[in-house]
Structure formats: structure tokens, C-alpha cells
Amino acid sequence: QVQLVESGGGLVQTGGSLRLSCAASGIIFSINTMGWYRQAPGKQREAVAGITSGGSTNYGESVKGRFTISRDNAKNTMYLQMNSLRPEDTAVYYCNANVIIRQGISVISGDYWGQGTQVTVSS
């Protein structure tokens, strides 16, 4: 099947930066939209940023101008560069991908999630 593995989380001070990575592996035919989500304690999961296979991006209002999403299609990897971090950015960050896999002569798509990586911003 398909696995998504996030890395790059950690503890950083206010104003600092982190770069998250999400690597997809498995029997992948192609990957459509990929995205980053986050969930803080006691809050619902929210969308942070998304990127299409063609490179079009969108961002949540709270991260615009501070976060940059990118992807390397050859490596099936997505990144999130996070600058000017704030305590309110503290959350578990999850990657999501809509992946096309081949099954015999057919292809099917499905949504997959990573296990999450903790980002903590201290004040």
C-alpha cells in the first residue's frame, strides 16, 4: 500500500523556523493534491496548506506569508517551510495525499495520512 512519513518537527522559540517533510512510499502510480493539516490539543484538525501536482498552492489565513509549501514530484515528497513561528502554531502536523495506485490494469485513488509530527513553539 502507501505510507506517508513526516519528519522535521521539534521545539523552537517564537520567531524561529522549522522545515517539515512528508515522504510517500509504496506502489504509487502518481500523486494528486498533497496537503498539511494540524491539530492542537482540544481543537479540531485544520488545513494549513495544500499543493496540486502542478504546483498550485493555497494556505490557511493564519499562516499566509509565513509558511511555504512545496513538493518534489520525482521524490514523492512534500515540504512545509515554517518561518516566524508563533506559540499558536503549536500542534501535531499531519500530511495528507491523494494517491493513485495501480491495481492490475486499473488505477484507483485514495486519501492517505501520515502519523503526525509534533511542532512546539515556546514563548
C-alpha atoms as a PDB file:
ATOM      1  CA  GLN A   1       0.000   0.000   0.000  1.00  0.00           C
ATOM      2  CA  VAL A   2       1.012   3.596   0.575  1.00  0.00           C
ATOM      3  CA  GLN A   3       2.797   5.120   3.529  1.00  0.00           C
ATOM      4  CA  LEU A   4       3.315   8.785   4.365  1.00  0.00           C
ATOM      5  CA  VAL A   5       6.072   9.602   6.816  1.00  0.00           C
ATOM      6  CA  GLU A   6       6.501  13.084   8.274  1.00  0.00           C
ATOM      7  CA  SER A   7       9.718  14.406   9.766  1.00  0.00           C
ATOM      8  CA  GLY A   8      11.233  17.678  10.869  1.00  0.00           C
ATOM      9  CA  GLY A   9       9.094  18.580  13.848  1.00  0.00           C
ATOM     10  CA  GLY A  10      10.538  19.756  17.122  1.00  0.00           C
ATOM     11  CA  LEU A  11      10.777  22.518  19.691  1.00  0.00           C
ATOM     12  CA  VAL A  12      11.563  26.046  18.576  1.00  0.00           C
ATOM     13  CA  GLN A  13      11.338  29.509  20.081  1.00  0.00           C
ATOM     14  CA  THR A  14       8.925  32.177  18.921  1.00  0.00           C
ATOM     15  CA  GLY A  15      10.156  33.662  15.671  1.00  0.00           C
ATOM     16  CA  GLY A  16      12.114  30.573  14.742  1.00  0.00           C
ATOM     17  CA  SER A  17      11.816  28.286  11.748  1.00  0.00           C
ATOM     18  CA  LEU A  18      11.259  24.621  11.023  1.00  0.00           C
ATOM     19  CA  ARG A  19      11.024  22.601   7.827  1.00  0.00           C
ATOM     20  CA  LEU A  20       8.690  19.626   7.721  1.00  0.00           C
ATOM     21  CA  SER A  21       8.961  16.841   5.176  1.00  0.00           C
ATOM     22  CA  CYS A  22       6.451  14.224   4.105  1.00  0.00           C
ATOM     23  CA  ALA A  23       7.718  11.290   2.076  1.00  0.00           C
ATOM     24  CA  ALA A  24       5.312   8.961   0.308  1.00  0.00           C
ATOM     25  CA  SER A  25       6.300   5.380  -0.435  1.00  0.00           C
ATOM     26  CA  GLY A  26       4.665   2.278  -1.814  1.00  0.00           C
ATOM     27  CA  ILE A  27       3.213   1.192  -5.101  1.00  0.00           C
ATOM     28  CA  ILE A  28       2.469   4.714  -6.318  1.00  0.00           C
ATOM     29  CA  PHE A  29       1.314   5.497  -9.816  1.00  0.00           C
ATOM     30  CA  SER A  30       1.028   9.226  -9.203  1.00  0.00           C
ATOM     31  CA  ILE A  31       0.083  11.726  -6.502  1.00  0.00           C
ATOM     32  CA  ASN A  32      -2.552  14.379  -6.940  1.00  0.00           C
ATOM     33  CA  THR A  33      -3.094  17.014  -4.282  1.00  0.00           C
ATOM     34  CA  MET A  34      -0.986  16.954  -1.136  1.00  0.00           C
ATOM     35  CA  GLY A  35      -1.541  18.984   1.969  1.00  0.00           C
ATOM     36  CA  TRP A  36      -0.554  19.774   5.515  1.00  0.00           C
ATOM     37  CA  TYR A  37      -3.021  19.802   8.391  1.00  0.00           C
ATOM     38  CA  ARG A  38      -2.546  20.450  12.076  1.00  0.00           C
ATOM     39  CA  GLN A  39      -4.356  19.698  15.281  1.00  0.00           C
ATOM     40  CA  ALA A  40      -3.748  21.461  18.561  1.00  0.00           C
ATOM     41  CA  PRO A  41      -4.897  19.981  21.884  1.00  0.00           C
ATOM     42  CA  GLY A  42      -8.631  20.398  22.324  1.00  0.00           C
ATOM     43  CA  LYS A  43      -9.103  21.756  18.811  1.00  0.00           C
ATOM     44  CA  GLN A  44     -10.291  20.359  15.527  1.00  0.00           C
ATOM     45  CA  ARG A  45      -7.878  19.461  12.781  1.00  0.00           C
ATOM     46  CA  GLU A  46      -7.415  22.393  10.421  1.00  0.00           C
ATOM     47  CA  ALA A  47      -5.967  22.755   6.955  1.00  0.00           C
ATOM     48  CA  VAL A  48      -2.642  24.560   6.841  1.00  0.00           C
ATOM     49  CA  ALA A  49      -1.606  24.448   3.182  1.00  0.00           C
ATOM     50  CA  GLY A  50      -2.197  22.453   0.025  1.00  0.00           C
ATOM     51  CA  ILE A  51      -0.417  21.922  -3.275  1.00  0.00           C
ATOM     52  CA  THR A  52      -1.531  20.336  -6.523  1.00  0.00           C
ATOM     53  CA  SER A  53       0.587  18.102  -8.722  1.00  0.00           C
ATOM     54  CA  GLY A  54       1.115  21.124 -10.969  1.00  0.00           C
ATOM     55  CA  GLY A  55       2.379  23.249  -8.112  1.00  0.00           C
ATOM     56  CA  SER A  56      -0.611  25.460  -7.388  1.00  0.00           C
ATOM     57  CA  THR A  57      -0.772  26.301  -3.702  1.00  0.00           C
ATOM     58  CA  ASN A  58      -3.212  27.542  -1.124  1.00  0.00           C
ATOM     59  CA  TYR A  59      -2.800  28.494   2.520  1.00  0.00           C
ATOM     60  CA  GLY A  60      -4.827  28.955   5.642  1.00  0.00           C
ATOM     61  CA  GLU A  61      -5.265  32.577   6.627  1.00  0.00           C
ATOM     62  CA  SER A  62      -3.254  32.216   9.818  1.00  0.00           C
ATOM     63  CA  VAL A  63      -0.110  31.022   8.017  1.00  0.00           C
ATOM     64  CA  LYS A  64      -0.127  33.127   4.865  1.00  0.00           C
ATOM     65  CA  GLY A  65       3.151  34.937   4.377  1.00  0.00           C
ATOM     66  CA  ARG A  66       4.925  32.768   6.973  1.00  0.00           C
ATOM     67  CA  PHE A  67       4.651  29.203   5.657  1.00  0.00           C
ATOM     68  CA  THR A  68       5.625  27.899   2.229  1.00  0.00           C
ATOM     69  CA  ILE A  69       4.521  24.559   0.842  1.00  0.00           C
ATOM     70  CA  SER A  70       6.431  22.807  -1.916  1.00  0.00           C
ATOM     71  CA  ARG A  71       6.867  19.342  -3.389  1.00  0.00           C
ATOM     72  CA  ASP A  72       9.343  17.270  -5.336  1.00  0.00           C
ATOM     73  CA  ASN A  73       7.303  15.015  -7.595  1.00  0.00           C
ATOM     74  CA  ALA A  74      10.338  12.931  -8.555  1.00  0.00           C
ATOM     75  CA  LYS A  75      10.850  12.048  -4.889  1.00  0.00           C
ATOM     76  CA  ASN A  76       7.157  11.853  -3.937  1.00  0.00           C
ATOM     77  CA  THR A  77       7.978  14.280  -1.151  1.00  0.00           C
ATOM     78  CA  MET A  78       6.268  17.397   0.145  1.00  0.00           C
ATOM     79  CA  TYR A  79       7.723  20.103   2.350  1.00  0.00           C
ATOM     80  CA  LEU A  80       6.473  22.845   4.631  1.00  0.00           C
ATOM     81  CA  GLN A  81       8.860  25.674   5.403  1.00  0.00           C
ATOM     82  CA  MET A  82       7.603  27.410   8.522  1.00  0.00           C
ATOM     83  CA  ASN A  83       9.036  30.812   9.406  1.00  0.00           C
ATOM     84  CA  SER A  84       8.183  33.378  12.064  1.00  0.00           C
ATOM     85  CA  LEU A  85       6.663  30.665  14.203  1.00  0.00           C
ATOM     86  CA  ARG A  86       4.256  31.621  16.970  1.00  0.00           C
ATOM     87  CA  PRO A  87       3.083  29.749  20.072  1.00  0.00           C
ATOM     88  CA  GLU A  88      -0.323  29.326  18.413  1.00  0.00           C
ATOM     89  CA  ASP A  89       1.358  27.249  15.694  1.00  0.00           C
ATOM     90  CA  THR A  90       1.977  24.542  18.289  1.00  0.00           C
ATOM     91  CA  ALA A  91       0.220  21.391  17.133  1.00  0.00           C
ATOM     92  CA  VAL A  92       0.680  17.957  15.654  1.00  0.00           C
ATOM     93  CA  TYR A  93       1.190  18.409  11.926  1.00  0.00           C
ATOM     94  CA  TYR A  94      -0.127  15.767   9.547  1.00  0.00           C
ATOM     95  CA  CYS A  95       0.446  15.302   5.861  1.00  0.00           C
ATOM     96  CA  ASN A  96      -2.252  14.116   3.526  1.00  0.00           C
ATOM     97  CA  ALA A  97      -2.048  12.947  -0.057  1.00  0.00           C
ATOM     98  CA  ASN A  98      -4.452  11.789  -2.714  1.00  0.00           C
ATOM     99  CA  VAL A  99      -2.547   8.908  -4.249  1.00  0.00           C
ATOM    100  CA  ILE A 100      -3.209   6.961  -7.429  1.00  0.00           C
ATOM    101  CA  ILE A 101      -2.146   3.309  -7.226  1.00  0.00           C
ATOM    102  CA  ARG A 102      -2.209   0.676  -9.921  1.00  0.00           C
ATOM    103  CA  GLN A 103      -4.221  -2.489  -9.393  1.00  0.00           C
ATOM    104  CA  GLY A 104      -3.807  -4.842 -12.318  1.00  0.00           C
ATOM    105  CA  ILE A 105      -4.966  -2.985 -15.388  1.00  0.00           C
ATOM    106  CA  SER A 106      -6.871  -0.440 -13.309  1.00  0.00           C
ATOM    107  CA  VAL A 107      -5.865   2.561 -11.262  1.00  0.00           C
ATOM    108  CA  ILE A 108      -7.621   3.705  -8.129  1.00  0.00           C
ATOM    109  CA  SER A 109      -7.216   6.732  -5.902  1.00  0.00           C
ATOM    110  CA  GLY A 110      -7.316   7.084  -2.183  1.00  0.00           C
ATOM    111  CA  ASP A 111      -6.537   9.551   0.587  1.00  0.00           C
ATOM    112  CA  TYR A 112      -3.692   8.724   2.908  1.00  0.00           C
ATOM    113  CA  TRP A 113      -2.459  10.299   6.136  1.00  0.00           C
ATOM    114  CA  GLY A 114       0.866  10.339   7.899  1.00  0.00           C
ATOM    115  CA  GLN A 115       1.298   9.600  11.579  1.00  0.00           C
ATOM    116  CA  GLY A 116       1.945  13.220  12.502  1.00  0.00           C
ATOM    117  CA  THR A 117       4.902  15.181  13.808  1.00  0.00           C
ATOM    118  CA  GLN A 118       4.852  17.449  16.843  1.00  0.00           C
ATOM    119  CA  VAL A 119       5.712  21.113  16.475  1.00  0.00           C
ATOM    120  CA  THR A 120       6.073  23.102  19.687  1.00  0.00           C
ATOM    121  CA  VAL A 121       6.752  26.825  19.709  1.00  0.00           C
ATOM    122  CA  SER A 122       7.810  28.266  23.047  1.00  0.00           C
ATOM    123  CA  SER A 123       7.075  31.845  24.019  1.00  0.00           C
END
